[in-house]
Amino acid sequence: MSQHHIALFTFTLGSTESISPDALRAMWVNASGSGNVSVGRKNPEGTWRDRPIYTLYASQSLANLPEVEHRLRRALEGAHLHATLTGLH
């Protein structure tokens, strides 16, 4: 991840769902309209959460975040993933 990337979105998936890092990055590149992005996944151990938390990172200068979020939500739905998406911007 670039030192100039910031976290823009986090999400969790349904308890039986998962997405590979490559598939997630491709979805994020498409939704953001930028190849300068990265993704992360944390498995929070010892907490009440039993599902991984996915984080999407991009440059601070990524434009039109509401439209990016809309495209991302559509992409998740199109992949039949039940995501709880949170914008951090």
Protein backbone atom coordinates (compact mmCIF):
# COMPACT_ATOMS: atom_id res chain seq x y z
CA MET A 1 0.00 0.00 0.00
CA SER A 2 1.28 3.44 -0.89
CA GLN A 3 2.11 5.74 2.00
CA HIS A 4 -0.23 8.28 0.39
CA HIS A 5 -3.25 5.97 0.48
CA ILE A 6 -5.96 6.48 3.06
CA ALA A 7 -8.80 4.20 4.08
CA LEU A 8 -11.98 5.30 2.30
CA PHE A 9 -14.38 2.41 2.88
CA THR A 10 -14.72 -0.60 5.14
CA PHE A 11 -17.18 -3.42 4.87
CA THR A 12 -18.09 -6.85 6.13
CA LEU A 13 -19.78 -9.62 4.20
CA GLY A 14 -22.44 -12.11 5.16
CA SER A 15 -21.25 -14.87 7.47
CA THR A 16 -20.89 -17.42 4.65
CA GLU A 17 -19.43 -15.04 2.05
CA SER A 18 -15.88 -14.21 1.06
CA ILE A 19 -13.98 -12.47 -1.74
CA SER A 20 -10.42 -13.01 -2.89
CA PRO A 21 -7.92 -10.14 -2.72
CA ASP A 22 -7.57 -10.12 -6.51
CA ALA A 23 -11.33 -10.04 -7.11
CA LEU A 24 -11.78 -7.31 -4.49
CA ARG A 25 -8.98 -5.20 -5.95
CA ALA A 26 -10.46 -5.56 -9.46
CA MET A 27 -13.87 -4.49 -8.15
CA TRP A 28 -12.31 -1.53 -6.32
CA VAL A 29 -10.28 -0.44 -9.39
CA ASN A 30 -13.45 -0.51 -11.48
CA ALA A 31 -15.57 1.36 -8.91
CA SER A 32 -12.91 3.97 -8.15
CA GLY A 33 -11.82 4.49 -11.76
CA SER A 34 -8.20 4.38 -10.58
CA GLY A 35 -5.46 1.79 -10.62
CA ASN A 36 -3.78 3.55 -7.69
CA VAL A 37 -5.74 1.68 -5.02
CA SER A 38 -5.17 -1.11 -2.52
CA VAL A 39 -7.24 -3.43 -0.36
CA GLY A 40 -6.86 -5.00 3.05
CA ARG A 41 -8.51 -7.62 5.21
CA LYS A 42 -8.36 -8.09 8.97
CA ASN A 43 -9.67 -11.01 10.95
CA PRO A 44 -10.44 -9.42 14.32
CA GLU A 45 -9.59 -12.12 16.82
CA GLY A 46 -10.87 -11.99 20.36
CA THR A 47 -13.68 -9.57 19.55
CA TRP A 48 -17.42 -9.93 19.17
CA ARG A 49 -17.00 -9.79 15.38
CA ASP A 50 -16.60 -13.13 13.72
CA ARG A 51 -16.34 -11.83 10.17
CA PRO A 52 -13.36 -10.24 8.43
CA ILE A 53 -13.29 -6.50 7.94
CA TYR A 54 -12.28 -5.45 4.43
CA THR A 55 -10.75 -1.99 3.89
CA LEU A 56 -10.43 -0.13 0.60
CA TYR A 57 -7.64 2.41 0.24
CA ALA A 58 -6.95 5.10 -2.34
CA SER A 59 -5.36 8.48 -2.77
CA GLN A 60 -6.81 11.39 -0.81
CA SER A 61 -7.45 13.08 -4.12
CA LEU A 62 -9.86 10.40 -5.40
CA ALA A 63 -12.69 12.45 -6.91
CA ASN A 64 -16.47 12.16 -6.59
CA LEU A 65 -16.63 9.80 -3.63
CA PRO A 66 -20.45 9.61 -3.59
CA GLU A 67 -20.41 8.26 -7.17
CA VAL A 68 -17.53 5.90 -6.35
CA GLU A 69 -19.54 4.60 -3.39
CA HIS A 70 -22.60 4.11 -5.61
CA ARG A 71 -20.57 2.12 -8.16
CA LEU A 72 -19.01 0.06 -5.37
CA ARG A 73 -22.40 -0.80 -3.88
CA ARG A 74 -23.67 -1.82 -7.33
CA ALA A 75 -20.59 -3.98 -7.89
CA LEU A 76 -21.03 -5.76 -4.55
CA GLU A 77 -24.71 -6.36 -5.32
CA GLY A 78 -23.84 -7.55 -8.84
CA ALA A 79 -21.45 -10.09 -7.32
CA HIS A 80 -24.30 -11.26 -5.05
CA LEU A 81 -22.40 -10.22 -1.93
CA HIS A 82 -24.37 -8.94 1.05
CA ALA A 83 -22.04 -6.20 2.27
CA THR A 84 -22.36 -3.74 5.09
CA LEU A 85 -20.40 -0.84 3.59
CA THR A 86 -19.22 2.16 5.61
CA GLY A 87 -17.73 5.29 4.08
CA LEU A 88 -14.85 6.78 6.03
CA HIS A 89 -14.66 9.97 4.01
